[in-house]
Amino acid sequence: MAEKEAASTSTLAGGEYEAEDVLADAEPWEPIETKLVVWSFIIAGIVLVIGLFIVPTSVLH
């Protein structure tokens, strides 16, 4: 019992938690969330490509 109390007062150890315990009360993943994540990555990729094109051309001129 003393070990559990000591573990609960520790800072960011995380060793006392199991994946099942952490994910037990997780909400289900909605399809709209999947679309948001996918579109965020697509937009980030497009912005990265545009940025990689604009920055070198602006430095060279």
Protein backbone atom coordinates (compact mmCIF):
# COMPACT_ATOMS: atom_id res chain seq x y z
CA MET A 1 0.00 0.00 0.00
CA ALA A 2 2.86 2.39 0.81
CA GLU A 3 4.34 1.79 -2.65
CA LYS A 4 1.11 2.87 -4.35
CA GLU A 5 0.95 6.03 -2.27
CA ALA A 6 4.58 6.80 -3.04
CA ALA A 7 4.00 6.13 -6.73
CA SER A 8 0.97 8.40 -6.84
CA THR A 9 2.95 11.30 -5.41
CA SER A 10 5.84 10.88 -7.87
CA THR A 11 6.12 13.38 -10.68
CA LEU A 12 6.19 12.24 -14.31
CA ALA A 13 7.25 8.63 -13.83
CA GLY A 14 4.28 7.01 -15.56
CA GLY A 15 5.46 3.49 -14.73
CA GLU A 16 2.49 2.74 -12.52
CA TYR A 17 -0.03 3.17 -15.35
CA GLU A 18 -0.97 0.47 -17.83
CA ALA A 19 -2.22 1.29 -21.34
CA GLU A 20 -5.58 -0.32 -20.59
CA ASP A 21 -6.04 1.89 -17.53
CA VAL A 22 -5.27 5.07 -19.45
CA LEU A 23 -7.49 4.21 -22.42
CA ALA A 24 -10.37 2.74 -20.41
CA ASP A 25 -12.49 5.91 -20.47
CA ALA A 26 -11.40 7.20 -23.87
CA GLU A 27 -14.05 8.53 -26.22
CA PRO A 28 -14.60 6.75 -29.54
CA TRP A 29 -12.87 8.27 -32.58
CA GLU A 30 -15.40 9.98 -34.85
CA PRO A 31 -15.09 9.91 -38.67
CA ILE A 32 -15.05 13.73 -38.80
CA GLU A 33 -11.96 13.70 -36.59
CA THR A 34 -10.23 11.40 -39.06
CA LYS A 35 -11.08 13.79 -41.88
CA LEU A 36 -9.78 16.75 -39.87
CA VAL A 37 -6.46 15.02 -39.21
CA VAL A 38 -6.04 13.89 -42.82
CA TRP A 39 -6.87 17.33 -44.23
CA SER A 40 -4.55 18.98 -41.72
CA PHE A 41 -1.67 16.82 -42.96
CA ILE A 42 -2.57 17.55 -46.60
CA ILE A 43 -2.67 21.31 -45.97
CA ALA A 44 0.59 21.15 -44.01
CA GLY A 45 2.24 19.29 -46.90
CA ILE A 46 1.03 21.86 -49.43
CA VAL A 47 2.25 24.74 -47.26
CA LEU A 48 5.60 23.01 -46.83
CA VAL A 49 6.05 22.57 -50.59
CA ILE A 50 5.08 26.20 -51.26
CA GLY A 51 7.42 27.37 -48.49
CA LEU A 52 10.29 25.30 -49.86
CA PHE A 53 9.75 26.94 -53.25
CA ILE A 54 9.32 30.54 -52.03
CA VAL A 55 12.15 30.74 -49.49
CA PRO A 56 15.04 29.68 -51.76
CA THR A 57 13.85 31.87 -54.62
CA SER A 58 13.51 34.88 -52.30
CA VAL A 59 17.03 34.34 -50.92
CA LEU A 60 18.59 34.06 -54.38
CA HIS A 61 17.04 37.31 -55.70
